[in-house]
Amino acid sequence: MLELVFATVEAEIKNAFVEDINDPDLIELLYRGVAEPLKISIVKVQRGTASKIVNRQPGGNPLKVIRGNSQNPVVKASIGNFFRQNIIHRFMADMEEEIIFHLRGVIKGDTNISDSKRSELLALGKKETFAEFLGYVYLYSLTRNNVLTPEAKERLNTELEEYKRHPLEEIEVPETIIHEERAYTEALAECYSQAEHIASFSLDNIGAFPEYEEHLSDQRRYYFAAEAVRRGTRDIYKKDDQFNVLKEETFEAVKEIWKRRAYNGLERLSNVLIRAEEIRPDRCWLCRDTDWIGMAQKKGICHFLVNDGKITGWTRSNDEQAV
């Protein structure tokens, strides 16, 4: 449901920064990628203007001179280096695959992108051409209307009602573990370490343990089933609020099981997942508006709780196996 417009790209970039950066400063920084090679002077972006841009309100298109020069050959030739020198080095570590993953999803889902342009952008969506990918996605977003017109809003509302009745669009599980998976997969590695009576377990060598390899594959599939719900929730309600309600309801349902003693972390995780399958989180609108919350999604929410720190891992020093 997301569109590849300036507001979408700006939000993805902002989310990747190590330090806090406000919208006016980030928009000015992005403008420089077009302005500097052409020696165009730009005015300071005001907070009100930035708010209109990120919220796609009337008057919320990027600066006209920037949009008008976004496809200039000089700009396109320099945009990769601009992103390398001015933006990417400010990202959190190991964010490349995550950003590529998210933006590829938007590009694939935006039906208003031509087939040729979609193929062109997706072909750049890999780590080796990360800067060029970000740069070209950004420049292309400038050619799109960033403002939601009343007609577009009405059409979007109609599409959203239809969208709620459609099956949830699945997300492809990345081949390698991406940044946002680190916390819950590290918790899984601790389970495998405990079960094998070893000090640490490297997921890089999981192929030597077929049972755990299959287990990890299942858990990642559950996680991305829940991630698909989170994205769909954001598309419908514009915020993650209802997904947060789903997480809260799930935690309340499983926390007593999670607190109990168990033989080891794998048993505790299994008990929690079984409990998660049983719950009916009726306080969450998603369960009333859609049929998206199945078994895989419910189990995947448990891994989001680990990422959030609500569940602080699966192993305990007083587990029976550790005694």
C-alpha atoms as a PDB file:
ATOM      1  CA  MET A   1       0.000   0.000   0.000  1.00  0.00           C
ATOM      2  CA  LEU A   2       2.939   2.364   0.409  1.00  0.00           C
ATOM      3  CA  GLU A   3       3.821   4.598  -2.537  1.00  0.00           C
ATOM      4  CA  LEU A   4       7.342   5.409  -3.621  1.00  0.00           C
ATOM      5  CA  VAL A   5       7.162   9.141  -2.987  1.00  0.00           C
ATOM      6  CA  PHE A   6       9.553  11.561  -1.317  1.00  0.00           C
ATOM      7  CA  ALA A   7       7.897  11.199   2.110  1.00  0.00           C
ATOM      8  CA  THR A   8       8.365   7.413   2.034  1.00  0.00           C
ATOM      9  CA  VAL A   9      12.049   7.631   1.101  1.00  0.00           C
ATOM     10  CA  GLU A  10      12.762  10.405   3.611  1.00  0.00           C
ATOM     11  CA  ALA A  11      11.191   8.361   6.415  1.00  0.00           C
ATOM     12  CA  GLU A  12      13.254   5.263   5.541  1.00  0.00           C
ATOM     13  CA  ILE A  13      16.493   7.255   5.512  1.00  0.00           C
ATOM     14  CA  LYS A  14      15.657   9.071   8.750  1.00  0.00           C
ATOM     15  CA  ASN A  15      14.993   5.769  10.509  1.00  0.00           C
ATOM     16  CA  ALA A  16      18.504   4.548   9.611  1.00  0.00           C
ATOM     17  CA  PHE A  17      20.469   7.471  11.110  1.00  0.00           C
ATOM     18  CA  VAL A  18      22.599   6.844  14.188  1.00  0.00           C
ATOM     19  CA  GLU A  19      21.900  10.299  15.577  1.00  0.00           C
ATOM     20  CA  ASP A  20      18.595  12.085  15.765  1.00  0.00           C
ATOM     21  CA  ILE A  21      17.973  14.309  12.769  1.00  0.00           C
ATOM     22  CA  ASN A  22      14.899  16.465  12.358  1.00  0.00           C
ATOM     23  CA  ASP A  23      12.868  16.534   9.163  1.00  0.00           C
ATOM     24  CA  PRO A  24      13.865  20.057   8.028  1.00  0.00           C
ATOM     25  CA  ASP A  25      17.586  19.249   8.302  1.00  0.00           C
ATOM     26  CA  LEU A  26      17.227  15.904   6.532  1.00  0.00           C
ATOM     27  CA  ILE A  27      15.160  17.399   3.718  1.00  0.00           C
ATOM     28  CA  GLU A  28      17.788  20.115   3.231  1.00  0.00           C
ATOM     29  CA  LEU A  29      20.499  17.469   3.165  1.00  0.00           C
ATOM     30  CA  LEU A  30      18.639  15.493   0.502  1.00  0.00           C
ATOM     31  CA  TYR A  31      18.050  18.638  -1.542  1.00  0.00           C
ATOM     32  CA  ARG A  32      21.813  19.147  -1.666  1.00  0.00           C
ATOM     33  CA  GLY A  33      22.169  15.985  -3.746  1.00  0.00           C
ATOM     34  CA  VAL A  34      20.462  17.833  -6.590  1.00  0.00           C
ATOM     35  CA  ALA A  35      21.491  21.400  -5.809  1.00  0.00           C
ATOM     36  CA  GLU A  36      25.264  21.062  -5.323  1.00  0.00           C
ATOM     37  CA  PRO A  37      26.292  19.557  -8.684  1.00  0.00           C
ATOM     38  CA  LEU A  38      24.210  22.236 -10.473  1.00  0.00           C
ATOM     39  CA  LYS A  39      25.232  25.061  -8.102  1.00  0.00           C
ATOM     40  CA  ILE A  40      21.615  25.806  -7.208  1.00  0.00           C
ATOM     41  CA  SER A  41      20.957  27.925  -4.134  1.00  0.00           C
ATOM     42  CA  ILE A  42      18.292  26.587  -1.794  1.00  0.00           C
ATOM     43  CA  VAL A  43      16.514  28.283   1.072  1.00  0.00           C
ATOM     44  CA  LYS A  44      16.301  26.858   4.579  1.00  0.00           C
ATOM     45  CA  VAL A  45      13.452  24.392   5.011  1.00  0.00           C
ATOM     46  CA  GLN A  46      11.036  25.598   7.677  1.00  0.00           C
ATOM     47  CA  ARG A  47       9.458  23.269  10.192  1.00  0.00           C
ATOM     48  CA  GLY A  48       5.938  23.879   8.852  1.00  0.00           C
ATOM     49  CA  THR A  49       7.026  23.116   5.311  1.00  0.00           C
ATOM     50  CA  ALA A  50       8.758  19.940   6.410  1.00  0.00           C
ATOM     51  CA  SER A  51       5.631  18.839   8.274  1.00  0.00           C
ATOM     52  CA  LYS A  52       3.531  19.246   5.137  1.00  0.00           C
ATOM     53  CA  ILE A  53       6.063  17.232   3.127  1.00  0.00           C
ATOM     54  CA  VAL A  54       6.378  14.272   5.507  1.00  0.00           C
ATOM     55  CA  ASN A  55       2.608  14.137   6.095  1.00  0.00           C
ATOM     56  CA  ARG A  56       1.814  14.548   2.376  1.00  0.00           C
ATOM     57  CA  GLN A  57      -0.440  17.534   3.015  1.00  0.00           C
ATOM     58  CA  PRO A  58      -1.397  20.273   0.522  1.00  0.00           C
ATOM     59  CA  GLY A  59       1.720  22.325  -0.222  1.00  0.00           C
ATOM     60  CA  GLY A  60       3.840  19.315   0.710  1.00  0.00           C
ATOM     61  CA  ASN A  61       5.752  18.716  -2.498  1.00  0.00           C
ATOM     62  CA  PRO A  62       9.546  19.122  -2.375  1.00  0.00           C
ATOM     63  CA  LEU A  63      11.054  22.344  -3.698  1.00  0.00           C
ATOM     64  CA  LYS A  64      10.121  22.802  -7.369  1.00  0.00           C
ATOM     65  CA  VAL A  65      13.654  23.554  -8.559  1.00  0.00           C
ATOM     66  CA  ILE A  66      14.843  20.337  -6.894  1.00  0.00           C
ATOM     67  CA  ARG A  67      12.075  18.254  -8.439  1.00  0.00           C
ATOM     68  CA  GLY A  68      12.624  19.871 -11.845  1.00  0.00           C
ATOM     69  CA  ASN A  69      16.319  18.984 -11.897  1.00  0.00           C
ATOM     70  CA  SER A  70      16.067  15.521 -10.359  1.00  0.00           C
ATOM     71  CA  GLN A  71      16.620  13.777 -13.702  1.00  0.00           C
ATOM     72  CA  ASN A  72      19.458  16.003 -14.880  1.00  0.00           C
ATOM     73  CA  PRO A  73      22.279  13.749 -16.195  1.00  0.00           C
ATOM     74  CA  VAL A  74      24.859  15.582 -14.067  1.00  0.00           C
ATOM     75  CA  VAL A  75      22.786  14.959 -10.946  1.00  0.00           C
ATOM     76  CA  LYS A  76      22.207  11.300 -11.777  1.00  0.00           C
ATOM     77  CA  ALA A  77      25.918  10.765 -12.426  1.00  0.00           C
ATOM     78  CA  SER A  78      26.891  12.195  -9.025  1.00  0.00           C
ATOM     79  CA  ILE A  79      24.064  11.027  -6.767  1.00  0.00           C
ATOM     80  CA  GLY A  80      25.739   7.759  -5.713  1.00  0.00           C
ATOM     81  CA  ASN A  81      28.865   9.551  -4.499  1.00  0.00           C
ATOM     82  CA  PHE A  82      26.721  12.164  -2.761  1.00  0.00           C
ATOM     83  CA  PHE A  83      24.938   9.469  -0.744  1.00  0.00           C
ATOM     84  CA  ARG A  84      28.229   7.731   0.081  1.00  0.00           C
ATOM     85  CA  GLN A  85      29.916  10.916   1.280  1.00  0.00           C
ATOM     86  CA  ASN A  86      27.025  12.658   3.022  1.00  0.00           C
ATOM     87  CA  ILE A  87      24.397  10.168   4.121  1.00  0.00           C
ATOM     88  CA  ILE A  88      25.326   6.486   4.282  1.00  0.00           C
ATOM     89  CA  HIS A  89      28.243   6.958   6.686  1.00  0.00           C
ATOM     90  CA  ARG A  90      25.718   8.386   9.176  1.00  0.00           C
ATOM     91  CA  PHE A  91      23.622   5.202   9.192  1.00  0.00           C
ATOM     92  CA  MET A  92      23.591   2.634  11.978  1.00  0.00           C
ATOM     93  CA  ALA A  93      25.891  -0.312  11.356  1.00  0.00           C
ATOM     94  CA  ASP A  94      24.705  -3.102   9.064  1.00  0.00           C
ATOM     95  CA  MET A  95      21.609  -1.245   7.865  1.00  0.00           C
ATOM     96  CA  GLU A  96      22.191  -1.764   4.138  1.00  0.00           C
ATOM     97  CA  GLU A  97      20.286  -5.027   3.777  1.00  0.00           C
ATOM     98  CA  GLU A  98      17.415  -3.801   5.939  1.00  0.00           C
ATOM     99  CA  ILE A  99      16.955  -0.594   3.915  1.00  0.00           C
ATOM    100  CA  ILE A 100      17.247  -2.466   0.626  1.00  0.00           C
ATOM    101  CA  PHE A 101      14.708  -4.992   1.882  1.00  0.00           C
ATOM    102  CA  HIS A 102      12.194  -2.313   2.888  1.00  0.00           C
ATOM    103  CA  LEU A 103      12.540  -0.146  -0.222  1.00  0.00           C
ATOM    104  CA  ARG A 104      12.387  -3.136  -2.561  1.00  0.00           C
ATOM    105  CA  GLY A 105       9.091  -4.012  -0.905  1.00  0.00           C
ATOM    106  CA  VAL A 106       7.722  -0.518  -1.585  1.00  0.00           C
ATOM    107  CA  ILE A 107       8.930  -0.604  -5.194  1.00  0.00           C
ATOM    108  CA  LYS A 108       7.338  -4.005  -5.791  1.00  0.00           C
ATOM    109  CA  GLY A 109       4.067  -2.956  -4.173  1.00  0.00           C
ATOM    110  CA  ASP A 110       3.593   0.419  -5.889  1.00  0.00           C
ATOM    111  CA  THR A 111       1.475  -0.388  -8.932  1.00  0.00           C
ATOM    112  CA  ASN A 112       1.925   3.110 -10.349  1.00  0.00           C
ATOM    113  CA  ILE A 113       5.597   2.484 -11.169  1.00  0.00           C
ATOM    114  CA  SER A 114       6.159   1.395 -14.757  1.00  0.00           C
ATOM    115  CA  ASP A 115       7.556  -2.088 -15.327  1.00  0.00           C
ATOM    116  CA  SER A 116      10.738  -0.722 -16.889  1.00  0.00           C
ATOM    117  CA  LYS A 117      11.401   1.712 -14.025  1.00  0.00           C
ATOM    118  CA  ARG A 118      10.623  -0.954 -11.448  1.00  0.00           C
ATOM    119  CA  SER A 119      13.109  -3.331 -13.062  1.00  0.00           C
ATOM    120  CA  GLU A 120      15.731  -0.587 -13.245  1.00  0.00           C
ATOM    121  CA  LEU A 121      15.427   0.268  -9.551  1.00  0.00           C
ATOM    122  CA  LEU A 122      15.242  -3.327  -8.337  1.00  0.00           C
ATOM    123  CA  ALA A 123      18.360  -4.252 -10.317  1.00  0.00           C
ATOM    124  CA  LEU A 124      20.324  -1.760  -8.181  1.00  0.00           C
ATOM    125  CA  GLY A 125      18.855  -3.086  -4.932  1.00  0.00           C
ATOM    126  CA  LYS A 126      21.906  -4.940  -3.608  1.00  0.00           C
ATOM    127  CA  LYS A 127      24.755  -4.152  -1.205  1.00  0.00           C
ATOM    128  CA  GLU A 128      27.315  -3.688  -3.997  1.00  0.00           C
ATOM    129  CA  THR A 129      25.313  -0.779  -5.453  1.00  0.00           C
ATOM    130  CA  PHE A 130      23.693   0.447  -2.244  1.00  0.00           C
ATOM    131  CA  ALA A 131      24.593   4.131  -2.691  1.00  0.00           C
ATOM    132  CA  GLU A 132      23.394   4.185  -6.295  1.00  0.00           C
ATOM    133  CA  PHE A 133      20.216   2.351  -5.314  1.00  0.00           C
ATOM    134  CA  LEU A 134      19.371   4.886  -2.605  1.00  0.00           C
ATOM    135  CA  GLY A 135      20.300   7.789  -4.858  1.00  0.00           C
ATOM    136  CA  TYR A 136      18.229   6.661  -7.824  1.00  0.00           C
ATOM    137  CA  VAL A 137      15.248   5.760  -5.623  1.00  0.00           C
ATOM    138  CA  TYR A 138      15.439   9.224  -4.078  1.00  0.00           C
ATOM    139  CA  LEU A 139      15.676  10.976  -7.459  1.00  0.00           C
ATOM    140  CA  TYR A 140      12.784   8.968  -8.846  1.00  0.00           C
ATOM    141  CA  SER A 141      10.645   9.787  -5.784  1.00  0.00           C
ATOM    142  CA  LEU A 142      11.077  13.476  -6.604  1.00  0.00           C
ATOM    143  CA  THR A 143       9.260  12.945  -9.913  1.00  0.00           C
ATOM    144  CA  ARG A 144       6.143  11.667  -8.112  1.00  0.00           C
ATOM    145  CA  ASN A 145       3.407  13.817  -6.617  1.00  0.00           C
ATOM    146  CA  ASN A 146       4.049  13.757  -2.876  1.00  0.00           C
ATOM    147  CA  VAL A 147       0.715  15.383  -1.968  1.00  0.00           C
ATOM    148  CA  LEU A 148      -2.393  13.340  -1.299  1.00  0.00           C
ATOM    149  CA  THR A 149      -5.186  15.219  -3.090  1.00  0.00           C
ATOM    150  CA  PRO A 150      -8.802  14.926  -1.812  1.00  0.00           C
ATOM    151  CA  GLU A 151      -9.520  12.620  -4.745  1.00  0.00           C
ATOM    152  CA  ALA A 152      -6.467  10.529  -3.935  1.00  0.00           C
ATOM    153  CA  LYS A 153      -7.472  10.356  -0.262  1.00  0.00           C
ATOM    154  CA  GLU A 154     -10.961   9.173  -1.200  1.00  0.00           C
ATOM    155  CA  ARG A 155      -9.518   6.598  -3.564  1.00  0.00           C
ATOM    156  CA  LEU A 156      -7.041   5.515  -0.903  1.00  0.00           C
ATOM    157  CA  ASN A 157      -9.808   5.097   1.672  1.00  0.00           C
ATOM    158  CA  THR A 158     -11.732   2.903  -0.765  1.00  0.00           C
ATOM    159  CA  GLU A 159      -8.605   0.901  -1.517  1.00  0.00           C
ATOM    160  CA  LEU A 160      -7.914   0.502   2.199  1.00  0.00           C
ATOM    161  CA  GLU A 161     -11.353  -0.932   2.860  1.00  0.00           C
ATOM    162  CA  GLU A 162     -10.790  -3.401   0.045  1.00  0.00           C
ATOM    163  CA  TYR A 163      -7.248  -4.024   1.272  1.00  0.00           C
ATOM    164  CA  LYS A 164      -8.543  -5.077   4.694  1.00  0.00           C
ATOM    165  CA  ARG A 165     -10.593  -7.818   3.065  1.00  0.00           C
ATOM    166  CA  HIS A 166      -7.689  -9.159   0.999  1.00  0.00           C
ATOM    167  CA  PRO A 167      -5.285 -11.834   2.231  1.00  0.00           C
ATOM    168  CA  LEU A 168      -2.202 -10.390   3.902  1.00  0.00           C
ATOM    169  CA  GLU A 169       0.638  -9.935   1.434  1.00  0.00           C
ATOM    170  CA  GLU A 170       3.545 -12.127   2.442  1.00  0.00           C
ATOM    171  CA  ILE A 171       7.067 -10.787   2.908  1.00  0.00           C
ATOM    172  CA  GLU A 172       9.994 -12.678   1.480  1.00  0.00           C
ATOM    173  CA  VAL A 173      12.365 -13.813   4.233  1.00  0.00           C
ATOM    174  CA  PRO A 174      15.839 -12.375   3.525  1.00  0.00           C
ATOM    175  CA  GLU A 175      18.568 -14.920   2.872  1.00  0.00           C
ATOM    176  CA  THR A 176      20.732 -13.509   5.650  1.00  0.00           C
ATOM    177  CA  ILE A 177      19.744 -12.141   9.052  1.00  0.00           C
ATOM    178  CA  ILE A 178      19.194  -8.383   8.816  1.00  0.00           C
ATOM    179  CA  HIS A 179      19.813  -5.737  11.461  1.00  0.00           C
ATOM    180  CA  GLU A 180      16.291  -5.675  12.866  1.00  0.00           C
ATOM    181  CA  GLU A 181      16.468  -9.438  13.571  1.00  0.00           C
ATOM    182  CA  ARG A 182      19.592  -9.309  15.717  1.00  0.00           C
ATOM    183  CA  ALA A 183      17.978  -9.311  19.180  1.00  0.00           C
ATOM    184  CA  TYR A 184      15.576 -12.208  18.756  1.00  0.00           C
ATOM    185  CA  THR A 185      18.025 -14.339  16.745  1.00  0.00           C
ATOM    186  CA  GLU A 186      20.713 -13.812  19.390  1.00  0.00           C
ATOM    187  CA  ALA A 187      18.184 -15.040  21.969  1.00  0.00           C
ATOM    188  CA  LEU A 188      17.639 -18.126  19.815  1.00  0.00           C
ATOM    189  CA  ALA A 189      21.398 -18.677  19.571  1.00  0.00           C
ATOM    190  CA  GLU A 190      21.539 -18.694  23.395  1.00  0.00           C
ATOM    191  CA  CYS A 191      18.911 -21.468  23.368  1.00  0.00           C
ATOM    192  CA  TYR A 192      20.988 -23.543  20.984  1.00  0.00           C
ATOM    193  CA  SER A 193      24.117 -22.886  23.042  1.00  0.00           C
ATOM    194  CA  GLN A 194      22.387 -24.025  26.206  1.00  0.00           C
ATOM    195  CA  ALA A 195      20.985 -27.140  24.544  1.00  0.00           C
ATOM    196  CA  GLU A 196      24.436 -28.096  23.239  1.00  0.00           C
ATOM    197  CA  HIS A 197      26.251 -27.283  26.508  1.00  0.00           C
ATOM    198  CA  ILE A 198      28.627 -24.876  24.762  1.00  0.00           C
ATOM    199  CA  ALA A 199      29.686 -21.367  25.768  1.00  0.00           C
ATOM    200  CA  SER A 200      28.430 -19.688  22.606  1.00  0.00           C
ATOM    201  CA  PHE A 201      26.655 -20.655  19.421  1.00  0.00           C
ATOM    202  CA  SER A 202      27.409 -18.938  16.120  1.00  0.00           C
ATOM    203  CA  LEU A 203      24.474 -18.779  13.739  1.00  0.00           C
ATOM    204  CA  ASP A 204      27.042 -18.624  10.924  1.00  0.00           C
ATOM    205  CA  ASN A 205      27.702 -22.337  11.574  1.00  0.00           C
ATOM    206  CA  ILE A 206      24.104 -23.418  12.038  1.00  0.00           C
ATOM    207  CA  GLY A 207      24.308 -25.621   8.932  1.00  0.00           C
ATOM    208  CA  ALA A 208      26.222 -28.127  11.067  1.00  0.00           C
ATOM    209  CA  PHE A 209      23.087 -28.527  13.226  1.00  0.00           C
ATOM    210  CA  PRO A 210      20.173 -29.432  10.891  1.00  0.00           C
ATOM    211  CA  GLU A 211      17.636 -29.481  13.724  1.00  0.00           C
ATOM    212  CA  TYR A 212      18.471 -25.937  14.798  1.00  0.00           C
ATOM    213  CA  GLU A 213      18.762 -24.778  11.202  1.00  0.00           C
ATOM    214  CA  GLU A 214      15.169 -25.851  10.613  1.00  0.00           C
ATOM    215  CA  HIS A 215      14.094 -24.336  13.932  1.00  0.00           C
ATOM    216  CA  LEU A 216      15.715 -20.981  13.106  1.00  0.00           C
ATOM    217  CA  SER A 217      14.127 -21.019   9.649  1.00  0.00           C
ATOM    218  CA  ASP A 218      10.702 -21.510  11.231  1.00  0.00           C
ATOM    219  CA  GLN A 219      11.242 -18.698  13.744  1.00  0.00           C
ATOM    220  CA  ARG A 220      12.365 -16.285  11.005  1.00  0.00           C
ATOM    221  CA  ARG A 221       9.297 -17.219   8.971  1.00  0.00           C
ATOM    222  CA  TYR A 222       7.103 -16.427  11.994  1.00  0.00           C
ATOM    223  CA  TYR A 223       8.902 -13.123  12.521  1.00  0.00           C
ATOM    224  CA  PHE A 224       8.361 -11.952   8.962  1.00  0.00           C
ATOM    225  CA  ALA A 225       4.750 -13.116   9.041  1.00  0.00           C
ATOM    226  CA  ALA A 226       4.301 -10.708  11.960  1.00  0.00           C
ATOM    227  CA  GLU A 227       6.347  -8.033  10.159  1.00  0.00           C
ATOM    228  CA  ALA A 228       3.888  -8.270   7.264  1.00  0.00           C
ATOM    229  CA  VAL A 229       1.105  -7.515   9.750  1.00  0.00           C
ATOM    230  CA  ARG A 230       3.045  -4.531  11.116  1.00  0.00           C
ATOM    231  CA  ARG A 231       3.469  -3.071   7.648  1.00  0.00           C
ATOM    232  CA  GLY A 232      -0.140  -3.711   6.738  1.00  0.00           C
ATOM    233  CA  THR A 233      -1.223  -2.077   9.990  1.00  0.00           C
ATOM    234  CA  ARG A 234       0.855   0.989   9.187  1.00  0.00           C
ATOM    235  CA  ASP A 235      -0.726   1.185   5.737  1.00  0.00           C
ATOM    236  CA  ILE A 236      -4.266   0.995   7.124  1.00  0.00           C
ATOM    237  CA  TYR A 237      -4.025   3.088  10.259  1.00  0.00           C
ATOM    238  CA  LYS A 238      -1.008   5.285   9.355  1.00  0.00           C
ATOM    239  CA  LYS A 239       0.675   4.365  12.633  1.00  0.00           C
ATOM    240  CA  ASP A 240       1.890   1.249  14.432  1.00  0.00           C
ATOM    241  CA  ASP A 241      -0.629   1.801  17.253  1.00  0.00           C
ATOM    242  CA  GLN A 242      -2.761  -1.266  16.517  1.00  0.00           C
ATOM    243  CA  PHE A 243       0.299  -3.432  16.069  1.00  0.00           C
ATOM    244  CA  ASN A 244       1.456  -2.191  19.474  1.00  0.00           C
ATOM    245  CA  VAL A 245      -1.932  -3.204  20.904  1.00  0.00           C
ATOM    246  CA  LEU A 246      -1.432  -6.649  19.382  1.00  0.00           C
ATOM    247  CA  LYS A 247       1.992  -6.900  21.033  1.00  0.00           C
ATOM    248  CA  GLU A 248       0.599  -5.770  24.394  1.00  0.00           C
ATOM    249  CA  GLU A 249      -2.241  -8.292  24.273  1.00  0.00           C
ATOM    250  CA  THR A 250       0.176 -11.055  23.332  1.00  0.00           C
ATOM    251  CA  PHE A 251       2.566 -10.198  26.161  1.00  0.00           C
ATOM    252  CA  GLU A 252      -0.239 -10.216  28.715  1.00  0.00           C
ATOM    253  CA  ALA A 253      -1.271 -13.647  27.471  1.00  0.00           C
ATOM    254  CA  VAL A 254       2.184 -15.262  27.491  1.00  0.00           C
ATOM    255  CA  LYS A 255       4.090 -13.565  30.314  1.00  0.00           C
ATOM    256  CA  GLU A 256       3.061 -16.053  33.019  1.00  0.00           C
ATOM    257  CA  ILE A 257       4.185 -18.951  30.820  1.00  0.00           C
ATOM    258  CA  TRP A 258       7.441 -17.118  30.052  1.00  0.00           C
ATOM    259  CA  LYS A 259       8.136 -16.582  33.769  1.00  0.00           C
ATOM    260  CA  ARG A 260       7.778 -20.264  34.663  1.00  0.00           C
ATOM    261  CA  ARG A 261      10.728 -22.557  35.173  1.00  0.00           C
ATOM    262  CA  ALA A 262      11.503 -24.854  32.264  1.00  0.00           C
ATOM    263  CA  TYR A 263      13.991 -27.526  31.311  1.00  0.00           C
ATOM    264  CA  ASN A 264      15.775 -25.111  28.975  1.00  0.00           C
ATOM    265  CA  GLY A 265      15.220 -22.093  26.767  1.00  0.00           C
ATOM    266  CA  LEU A 266      13.902 -24.120  23.841  1.00  0.00           C
ATOM    267  CA  GLU A 267      11.187 -25.631  26.036  1.00  0.00           C
ATOM    268  CA  ARG A 268      10.259 -22.205  27.423  1.00  0.00           C
ATOM    269  CA  LEU A 269      10.061 -20.751  23.907  1.00  0.00           C
ATOM    270  CA  SER A 270       7.924 -23.677  22.744  1.00  0.00           C
ATOM    271  CA  ASN A 271       5.519 -23.233  25.672  1.00  0.00           C
ATOM    272  CA  VAL A 272       5.178 -19.518  24.951  1.00  0.00           C
ATOM    273  CA  LEU A 273       4.532 -20.097  21.253  1.00  0.00           C
ATOM    274  CA  ILE A 274       1.859 -22.679  22.052  1.00  0.00           C
ATOM    275  CA  ARG A 275       0.158 -20.163  24.370  1.00  0.00           C
ATOM    276  CA  ALA A 276       0.428 -17.439  21.716  1.00  0.00           C
ATOM    277  CA  GLU A 277      -1.439 -19.656  19.256  1.00  0.00           C
ATOM    278  CA  GLU A 278      -4.389 -19.859  21.646  1.00  0.00           C
ATOM    279  CA  ILE A 279      -5.027 -16.171  22.283  1.00  0.00           C
ATOM    280  CA  ARG A 280      -7.773 -14.026  20.774  1.00  0.00           C
ATOM    281  CA  PRO A 281      -6.521 -10.418  20.929  1.00  0.00           C
ATOM    282  CA  ASP A 282      -9.986  -8.919  20.400  1.00  0.00           C
ATOM    283  CA  ARG A 283      -8.920  -5.496  21.729  1.00  0.00           C
ATOM    284  CA  CYS A 284      -6.856  -5.083  18.543  1.00  0.00           C
ATOM    285  CA  TRP A 285      -8.849  -3.632  15.639  1.00  0.00           C
ATOM    286  CA  LEU A 286      -6.864  -5.746  13.200  1.00  0.00           C
ATOM    287  CA  CYS A 287      -8.629  -8.829  14.517  1.00  0.00           C
ATOM    288  CA  ARG A 288     -11.982  -7.188  13.797  1.00  0.00           C
ATOM    289  CA  ASP A 289     -11.082  -5.522  10.499  1.00  0.00           C
ATOM    290  CA  THR A 290      -9.028  -8.302   8.882  1.00  0.00           C
ATOM    291  CA  ASP A 291      -8.309 -12.018   8.950  1.00  0.00           C
ATOM    292  CA  TRP A 292      -4.547 -11.422   8.951  1.00  0.00           C
ATOM    293  CA  ILE A 293      -3.759 -12.796  12.413  1.00  0.00           C
ATOM    294  CA  GLY A 294      -3.066 -16.507  11.979  1.00  0.00           C
ATOM    295  CA  MET A 295      -0.855 -18.931  13.866  1.00  0.00           C
ATOM    296  CA  ALA A 296       2.430 -17.845  12.256  1.00  0.00           C
ATOM    297  CA  GLN A 297       1.692 -14.175  12.919  1.00  0.00           C
ATOM    298  CA  LYS A 298       0.818 -14.819  16.577  1.00  0.00           C
ATOM    299  CA  LYS A 299       4.060 -16.716  17.107  1.00  0.00           C
ATOM    300  CA  GLY A 300       6.070 -14.060  15.277  1.00  0.00           C
ATOM    301  CA  ILE A 301       4.793 -11.395  17.689  1.00  0.00           C
ATOM    302  CA  CYS A 302       6.708 -13.192  20.456  1.00  0.00           C
ATOM    303  CA  HIS A 303       9.963 -12.441  18.654  1.00  0.00           C
ATOM    304  CA  PHE A 304       8.963  -8.775  18.394  1.00  0.00           C
ATOM    305  CA  LEU A 305       8.570  -8.831  22.180  1.00  0.00           C
ATOM    306  CA  VAL A 306      12.186  -9.995  22.435  1.00  0.00           C
ATOM    307  CA  ASN A 307      13.313  -7.224  20.094  1.00  0.00           C
ATOM    308  CA  ASP A 308      11.432  -4.711  22.258  1.00  0.00           C
ATOM    309  CA  GLY A 309      12.965  -6.052  25.472  1.00  0.00           C
ATOM    310  CA  LYS A 310       9.613  -7.078  26.966  1.00  0.00           C
ATOM    311  CA  ILE A 311      10.813 -10.690  26.876  1.00  0.00           C
ATOM    312  CA  THR A 312      14.461 -10.722  27.927  1.00  0.00           C
ATOM    313  CA  GLY A 313      15.524 -13.913  26.240  1.00  0.00           C
ATOM    314  CA  TRP A 314      14.501 -17.542  26.683  1.00  0.00           C
ATOM    315  CA  THR A 315      17.285 -19.094  28.803  1.00  0.00           C
ATOM    316  CA  ARG A 316      17.706 -18.775  32.579  1.00  0.00           C
ATOM    317  CA  SER A 317      20.508 -19.600  34.970  1.00  0.00           C
ATOM    318  CA  ASN A 318      18.074 -21.729  37.030  1.00  0.00           C
ATOM    319  CA  ASP A 319      16.824 -23.792  34.079  1.00  0.00           C
ATOM    320  CA  GLU A 320      16.882 -27.513  34.848  1.00  0.00           C
ATOM    321  CA  GLN A 321      19.397 -28.192  32.094  1.00  0.00           C
ATOM    322  CA  ALA A 322      21.754 -25.564  33.522  1.00  0.00           C
ATOM    323  CA  VAL A 323      21.679 -27.080  37.020  1.00  0.00           C
END
